[in-house]
Amino acid sequence: MNIKKDDNVIVLTGKYKGKTGKVIKAMPKLGRVVVSGVNMYKKHQKPRRQGQKGQVVEVNGSIHISNIAKK
């Protein structure tokens, strides 16, 4: 895998085609990377303490390395 953390990449296929971003995390054993602003999804989070409200948090999902290229 020749893509590392902090590389600038462009998405080649899928819903986010043409979008660029910085690699946040690389997972070479799985062949996946997490790119900022790409493959975002919403995660519902329970309140952790009494009196705190639950919330919806946007999280970056991973994308397969075959779908990205170095910029």
PDB file of N, CA and C in Angstrom:
ATOM      1  N   MET A   1       0.859  -1.182   0.000  1.00  0.00           N
ATOM      2  CA  MET A   1       0.000   0.000   0.000  1.00  0.00           C
ATOM      3  C   MET A   1       0.895   1.233   0.000  1.00  0.00           C
ATOM      4  N   ASN A   2       0.761   2.073  -1.009  1.00  0.00           N
ATOM      5  CA  ASN A   2       1.638   3.233  -1.120  1.00  0.00           C
ATOM      6  C   ASN A   2       0.977   4.540  -0.686  1.00  0.00           C
ATOM      7  N   ILE A   3      -0.142   4.454  -0.030  1.00  0.00           N
ATOM      8  CA  ILE A   3      -0.818   5.642   0.498  1.00  0.00           C
ATOM      9  C   ILE A   3      -0.666   5.639   2.008  1.00  0.00           C
ATOM     10  N   LYS A   4      -0.193   6.763   2.538  1.00  0.00           N
ATOM     11  CA  LYS A   4       0.093   6.872   3.968  1.00  0.00           C
ATOM     12  C   LYS A   4      -0.712   8.006   4.582  1.00  0.00           C
ATOM     13  N   LYS A   5      -0.648   8.099   5.898  1.00  0.00           N
ATOM     14  CA  LYS A   5      -1.299   9.169   6.636  1.00  0.00           C
ATOM     15  C   LYS A   5      -0.763  10.524   6.167  1.00  0.00           C
ATOM     16  N   ASP A   6      -1.618  11.519   6.110  1.00  0.00           N
ATOM     17  CA  ASP A   6      -1.324  12.900   5.708  1.00  0.00           C
ATOM     18  C   ASP A   6      -1.105  13.081   4.201  1.00  0.00           C
ATOM     19  N   ASP A   7      -1.328  12.056   3.377  1.00  0.00           N
ATOM     20  CA  ASP A   7      -1.277  12.214   1.920  1.00  0.00           C
ATOM     21  C   ASP A   7      -2.558  12.872   1.438  1.00  0.00           C
ATOM     22  N   ASN A   8      -2.465  13.687   0.394  1.00  0.00           N
ATOM     23  CA  ASN A   8      -3.643  14.244  -0.253  1.00  0.00           C
ATOM     24  C   ASN A   8      -4.074  13.283  -1.350  1.00  0.00           C
ATOM     25  N   VAL A   9      -5.360  12.906  -1.342  1.00  0.00           N
ATOM     26  CA  VAL A   9      -5.865  11.924  -2.297  1.00  0.00           C
ATOM     27  C   VAL A   9      -7.129  12.438  -2.975  1.00  0.00           C
ATOM     28  N   ILE A  10      -7.474  11.796  -4.097  1.00  0.00           N
ATOM     29  CA  ILE A  10      -8.703  12.097  -4.823  1.00  0.00           C
ATOM     30  C   ILE A  10      -9.486  10.798  -4.963  1.00  0.00           C
ATOM     31  N   VAL A  11     -10.810  10.880  -4.846  1.00  0.00           N
ATOM     32  CA  VAL A  11     -11.662   9.707  -4.954  1.00  0.00           C
ATOM     33  C   VAL A  11     -11.966   9.465  -6.430  1.00  0.00           C
ATOM     34  N   LEU A  12     -11.770   8.221  -6.879  1.00  0.00           N
ATOM     35  CA  LEU A  12     -11.926   7.881  -8.287  1.00  0.00           C
ATOM     36  C   LEU A  12     -13.317   7.371  -8.643  1.00  0.00           C
ATOM     37  N   THR A  13     -13.964   6.659  -7.727  1.00  0.00           N
ATOM     38  CA  THR A  13     -15.265   6.064  -8.026  1.00  0.00           C
ATOM     39  C   THR A  13     -16.224   6.226  -6.860  1.00  0.00           C
ATOM     40  N   GLY A  14     -17.496   6.015  -7.154  1.00  0.00           N
ATOM     41  CA  GLY A  14     -18.512   6.000  -6.107  1.00  0.00           C
ATOM     42  C   GLY A  14     -19.200   7.332  -5.902  1.00  0.00           C
ATOM     43  N   LYS A  15     -19.898   7.425  -4.801  1.00  0.00           N
ATOM     44  CA  LYS A  15     -20.715   8.586  -4.451  1.00  0.00           C
ATOM     45  C   LYS A  15     -19.891   9.866  -4.322  1.00  0.00           C
ATOM     46  N   TYR A  16     -18.649   9.741  -3.879  1.00  0.00           N
ATOM     47  CA  TYR A  16     -17.796  10.901  -3.626  1.00  0.00           C
ATOM     48  C   TYR A  16     -16.764  11.109  -4.734  1.00  0.00           C
ATOM     49  N   LYS A  17     -17.046  10.639  -5.944  1.00  0.00           N
ATOM     50  CA  LYS A  17     -16.115  10.734  -7.070  1.00  0.00           C
ATOM     51  C   LYS A  17     -15.698  12.184  -7.319  1.00  0.00           C
ATOM     52  N   GLY A  18     -14.381  12.406  -7.441  1.00  0.00           N
ATOM     53  CA  GLY A  18     -13.850  13.732  -7.711  1.00  0.00           C
ATOM     54  C   GLY A  18     -13.524  14.538  -6.477  1.00  0.00           C
ATOM     55  N   LYS A  19     -13.964  14.086  -5.317  1.00  0.00           N
ATOM     56  CA  LYS A  19     -13.719  14.815  -4.076  1.00  0.00           C
ATOM     57  C   LYS A  19     -12.291  14.549  -3.593  1.00  0.00           C
ATOM     58  N   THR A  20     -11.657  15.565  -3.039  1.00  0.00           N
ATOM     59  CA  THR A  20     -10.297  15.417  -2.535  1.00  0.00           C
ATOM     60  C   THR A  20     -10.290  15.569  -1.020  1.00  0.00           C
ATOM     61  N   GLY A  21      -9.254  15.030  -0.387  1.00  0.00           N
ATOM     62  CA  GLY A  21      -9.130  15.140   1.054  1.00  0.00           C
ATOM     63  C   GLY A  21      -7.796  14.596   1.524  1.00  0.00           C
ATOM     64  N   LYS A  22      -7.579  14.726   2.808  1.00  0.00           N
ATOM     65  CA  LYS A  22      -6.344  14.287   3.443  1.00  0.00           C
ATOM     66  C   LYS A  22      -6.602  12.969   4.162  1.00  0.00           C
ATOM     67  N   VAL A  23      -5.653  12.043   4.080  1.00  0.00           N
ATOM     68  CA  VAL A  23      -5.789  10.751   4.746  1.00  0.00           C
ATOM     69  C   VAL A  23      -5.582  10.949   6.245  1.00  0.00           C
ATOM     70  N   ILE A  24      -6.587  10.568   7.025  1.00  0.00           N
ATOM     71  CA  ILE A  24      -6.540  10.684   8.478  1.00  0.00           C
ATOM     72  C   ILE A  24      -5.935   9.429   9.094  1.00  0.00           C
ATOM     73  N   LYS A  25      -6.328   8.262   8.546  1.00  0.00           N
ATOM     74  CA  LYS A  25      -5.897   6.986   9.097  1.00  0.00           C
ATOM     75  C   LYS A  25      -5.747   5.981   7.963  1.00  0.00           C
ATOM     76  N   ALA A  26      -4.691   5.190   8.002  1.00  0.00           N
ATOM     77  CA  ALA A  26      -4.469   4.139   7.011  1.00  0.00           C
ATOM     78  C   ALA A  26      -4.520   2.787   7.702  1.00  0.00           C
ATOM     79  N   MET A  27      -5.216   1.835   7.088  1.00  0.00           N
ATOM     80  CA  MET A  27      -5.331   0.480   7.626  1.00  0.00           C
ATOM     81  C   MET A  27      -4.839  -0.506   6.564  1.00  0.00           C
ATOM     82  N   PRO A  28      -3.522  -0.736   6.474  1.00  0.00           N
ATOM     83  CA  PRO A  28      -2.960  -1.555   5.403  1.00  0.00           C
ATOM     84  C   PRO A  28      -3.416  -3.021   5.400  1.00  0.00           C
ATOM     85  N   LYS A  29      -3.653  -3.592   6.558  1.00  0.00           N
ATOM     86  CA  LYS A  29      -4.093  -4.997   6.609  1.00  0.00           C
ATOM     87  C   LYS A  29      -5.494  -5.163   6.026  1.00  0.00           C
ATOM     88  N   LEU A  30      -6.332  -4.151   6.184  1.00  0.00           N
ATOM     89  CA  LEU A  30      -7.689  -4.187   5.646  1.00  0.00           C
ATOM     90  C   LEU A  30      -7.763  -3.601   4.238  1.00  0.00           C
ATOM     91  N   GLY A  31      -6.719  -2.864   3.842  1.00  0.00           N
ATOM     92  CA  GLY A  31      -6.716  -2.232   2.528  1.00  0.00           C
ATOM     93  C   GLY A  31      -7.662  -1.046   2.455  1.00  0.00           C
ATOM     94  N   ARG A  32      -7.805  -0.334   3.560  1.00  0.00           N
ATOM     95  CA  ARG A  32      -8.744   0.789   3.630  1.00  0.00           C
ATOM     96  C   ARG A  32      -8.064   2.006   4.235  1.00  0.00           C
ATOM     97  N   VAL A  33      -8.609   3.183   3.942  1.00  0.00           N
ATOM     98  CA  VAL A  33      -8.134   4.428   4.524  1.00  0.00           C
ATOM     99  C   VAL A  33      -9.325   5.287   4.911  1.00  0.00           C
ATOM    100  N   VAL A  34      -9.114   6.194   5.851  1.00  0.00           N
ATOM    101  CA  VAL A  34     -10.135   7.170   6.246  1.00  0.00           C
ATOM    102  C   VAL A  34      -9.684   8.513   5.708  1.00  0.00           C
ATOM    103  N   VAL A  35     -10.528   9.128   4.874  1.00  0.00           N
ATOM    104  CA  VAL A  35     -10.216  10.408   4.247  1.00  0.00           C
ATOM    105  C   VAL A  35     -11.164  11.462   4.815  1.00  0.00           C
ATOM    106  N   SER A  36     -10.609  12.627   5.162  1.00  0.00           N
ATOM    107  CA  SER A  36     -11.438  13.685   5.758  1.00  0.00           C
ATOM    108  C   SER A  36     -12.469  14.187   4.759  1.00  0.00           C
ATOM    109  N   GLY A  37     -13.709  14.268   5.193  1.00  0.00           N
ATOM    110  CA  GLY A  37     -14.802  14.791   4.369  1.00  0.00           C
ATOM    111  C   GLY A  37     -15.388  13.803   3.380  1.00  0.00           C
ATOM    112  N   VAL A  38     -14.911  12.560   3.376  1.00  0.00           N
ATOM    113  CA  VAL A  38     -15.395  11.550   2.438  1.00  0.00           C
ATOM    114  C   VAL A  38     -16.038  10.415   3.223  1.00  0.00           C
ATOM    115  N   ASN A  39     -17.151   9.906   2.706  1.00  0.00           N
ATOM    116  CA  ASN A  39     -17.875   8.785   3.310  1.00  0.00           C
ATOM    117  C   ASN A  39     -18.322   9.111   4.732  1.00  0.00           C
ATOM    118  N   MET A  40     -18.935  10.281   4.902  1.00  0.00           N
ATOM    119  CA  MET A  40     -19.437  10.702   6.205  1.00  0.00           C
ATOM    120  C   MET A  40     -20.755   9.983   6.506  1.00  0.00           C
ATOM    121  N   TYR A  41     -20.931   9.613   7.761  1.00  0.00           N
ATOM    122  CA  TYR A  41     -22.200   9.057   8.195  1.00  0.00           C
ATOM    123  C   TYR A  41     -22.523   9.581   9.583  1.00  0.00           C
ATOM    124  N   LYS A  42     -23.810   9.506   9.946  1.00  0.00           N
ATOM    125  CA  LYS A  42     -24.250  10.028  11.231  1.00  0.00           C
ATOM    126  C   LYS A  42     -24.375   8.894  12.237  1.00  0.00           C
ATOM    127  N   LYS A  43     -23.827   9.133  13.421  1.00  0.00           N
ATOM    128  CA  LYS A  43     -23.844   8.139  14.491  1.00  0.00           C
ATOM    129  C   LYS A  43     -24.598   8.731  15.674  1.00  0.00           C
ATOM    130  N   HIS A  44     -25.578   7.999  16.179  1.00  0.00           N
ATOM    131  CA  HIS A  44     -26.332   8.450  17.345  1.00  0.00           C
ATOM    132  C   HIS A  44     -25.582   8.043  18.597  1.00  0.00           C
ATOM    133  N   GLN A  45     -25.387   9.021  19.479  1.00  0.00           N
ATOM    134  CA  GLN A  45     -24.594   8.793  20.682  1.00  0.00           C
ATOM    135  C   GLN A  45     -25.473   8.963  21.916  1.00  0.00           C
ATOM    136  N   LYS A  46     -25.427   7.992  22.803  1.00  0.00           N
ATOM    137  CA  LYS A  46     -26.193   8.058  24.047  1.00  0.00           C
ATOM    138  C   LYS A  46     -25.566   9.079  24.986  1.00  0.00           C
ATOM    139  N   PRO A  47     -26.367   9.621  25.899  1.00  0.00           N
ATOM    140  CA  PRO A  47     -25.777  10.499  26.916  1.00  0.00           C
ATOM    141  C   PRO A  47     -24.862   9.702  27.835  1.00  0.00           C
ATOM    142  N   ARG A  48     -23.711  10.256  28.160  1.00  0.00           N
ATOM    143  CA  ARG A  48     -22.729   9.550  28.996  1.00  0.00           C
ATOM    144  C   ARG A  48     -22.959   9.778  30.485  1.00  0.00           C
ATOM    145  N   ARG A  49     -23.409  10.961  30.840  1.00  0.00           N
ATOM    146  CA  ARG A  49     -23.650  11.287  32.255  1.00  0.00           C
ATOM    147  C   ARG A  49     -25.101  11.697  32.454  1.00  0.00           C
ATOM    148  N   GLN A  50     -25.527  11.651  33.670  1.00  0.00           N
ATOM    149  CA  GLN A  50     -26.892  12.061  33.973  1.00  0.00           C
ATOM    150  C   GLN A  50     -27.028  13.561  33.731  1.00  0.00           C
ATOM    151  N   GLY A  51     -28.085  13.962  33.065  1.00  0.00           N
ATOM    152  CA  GLY A  51     -28.313  15.366  32.750  1.00  0.00           C
ATOM    153  C   GLY A  51     -27.760  15.772  31.399  1.00  0.00           C
ATOM    154  N   GLN A  52     -26.891  14.951  30.828  1.00  0.00           N
ATOM    155  CA  GLN A  52     -26.332  15.246  29.506  1.00  0.00           C
ATOM    156  C   GLN A  52     -27.307  14.743  28.437  1.00  0.00           C
ATOM    157  N   LYS A  53     -27.371  15.442  27.304  1.00  0.00           N
ATOM    158  CA  LYS A  53     -28.265  15.043  26.230  1.00  0.00           C
ATOM    159  C   LYS A  53     -27.553  14.129  25.243  1.00  0.00           C
ATOM    160  N   GLY A  54     -28.333  13.270  24.613  1.00  0.00           N
ATOM    161  CA  GLY A  54     -27.797  12.451  23.527  1.00  0.00           C
ATOM    162  C   GLY A  54     -27.608  13.345  22.305  1.00  0.00           C
ATOM    163  N   GLN A  55     -26.790  12.907  21.373  1.00  0.00           N
ATOM    164  CA  GLN A  55     -26.529  13.744  20.208  1.00  0.00           C
ATOM    165  C   GLN A  55     -26.260  12.892  18.973  1.00  0.00           C
ATOM    166  N   VAL A  56     -26.313  13.540  17.815  1.00  0.00           N
ATOM    167  CA  VAL A  56     -26.004  12.899  16.553  1.00  0.00           C
ATOM    168  C   VAL A  56     -24.667  13.468  16.087  1.00  0.00           C
ATOM    169  N   VAL A  57     -23.685  12.586  15.890  1.00  0.00           N
ATOM    170  CA  VAL A  57     -22.333  12.995  15.542  1.00  0.00           C
ATOM    171  C   VAL A  57     -22.018  12.515  14.131  1.00  0.00           C
ATOM    172  N   GLU A  58     -21.397  13.365  13.307  1.00  0.00           N
ATOM    173  CA  GLU A  58     -20.964  12.944  11.977  1.00  0.00           C
ATOM    174  C   GLU A  58     -19.566  12.355  12.073  1.00  0.00           C
ATOM    175  N   VAL A  59     -19.389  11.157  11.502  1.00  0.00           N
ATOM    176  CA  VAL A  59     -18.143  10.418  11.600  1.00  0.00           C
ATOM    177  C   VAL A  59     -17.637  10.095  10.192  1.00  0.00           C
ATOM    178  N   ASN A  60     -16.308  10.089  10.009  1.00  0.00           N
ATOM    179  CA  ASN A  60     -15.718   9.693   8.738  1.00  0.00           C
ATOM    180  C   ASN A  60     -15.675   8.175   8.652  1.00  0.00           C
ATOM    181  N   GLY A  61     -16.185   7.624   7.557  1.00  0.00           N
ATOM    182  CA  GLY A  61     -16.095   6.188   7.317  1.00  0.00           C
ATOM    183  C   GLY A  61     -14.871   5.882   6.469  1.00  0.00           C
ATOM    184  N   SER A  62     -14.506   4.611   6.399  1.00  0.00           N
ATOM    185  CA  SER A  62     -13.336   4.220   5.614  1.00  0.00           C
ATOM    186  C   SER A  62     -13.731   3.984   4.157  1.00  0.00           C
ATOM    187  N   ILE A  63     -12.727   4.025   3.281  1.00  0.00           N
ATOM    188  CA  ILE A  63     -12.936   3.797   1.856  1.00  0.00           C
ATOM    189  C   ILE A  63     -11.817   2.880   1.373  1.00  0.00           C
ATOM    190  N   HIS A  64     -12.112   2.000   0.444  1.00  0.00           N
ATOM    191  CA  HIS A  64     -11.125   1.048  -0.048  1.00  0.00           C
ATOM    192  C   HIS A  64     -10.062   1.767  -0.874  1.00  0.00           C
ATOM    193  N   ILE A  65      -8.821   1.312  -0.768  1.00  0.00           N
ATOM    194  CA  ILE A  65      -7.718   2.006  -1.433  1.00  0.00           C
ATOM    195  C   ILE A  65      -7.793   1.916  -2.955  1.00  0.00           C
ATOM    196  N   SER A  66      -8.531   0.953  -3.491  1.00  0.00           N
ATOM    197  CA  SER A  66      -8.657   0.860  -4.940  1.00  0.00           C
ATOM    198  C   SER A  66      -9.515   1.990  -5.502  1.00  0.00           C
ATOM    199  N   ASN A  67     -10.246   2.681  -4.642  1.00  0.00           N
ATOM    200  CA  ASN A  67     -11.131   3.763  -5.078  1.00  0.00           C
ATOM    201  C   ASN A  67     -10.512   5.144  -4.935  1.00  0.00           C
ATOM    202  N   ILE A  68      -9.233   5.224  -4.531  1.00  0.00           N
ATOM    203  CA  ILE A  68      -8.568   6.520  -4.375  1.00  0.00           C
ATOM    204  C   ILE A  68      -7.216   6.515  -5.071  1.00  0.00           C
ATOM    205  N   ALA A  69      -6.683   7.727  -5.298  1.00  0.00           N
ATOM    206  CA  ALA A  69      -5.353   7.873  -5.893  1.00  0.00           C
ATOM    207  C   ALA A  69      -4.696   9.084  -5.276  1.00  0.00           C
ATOM    208  N   LYS A  70      -3.357   9.051  -5.222  1.00  0.00           N
ATOM    209  CA  LYS A  70      -2.612  10.205  -4.729  1.00  0.00           C
ATOM    210  C   LYS A  70      -2.830  11.376  -5.652  1.00  0.00           C
ATOM    211  N   LYS A  71      -2.859  12.549  -5.069  1.00  0.00           N
ATOM    212  CA  LYS A  71      -3.069  13.766  -5.849  1.00  0.00           C
ATOM    213  C   LYS A  71      -1.758  14.411  -6.165  1.00  0.00           C
TER     214      LYS A  71
END
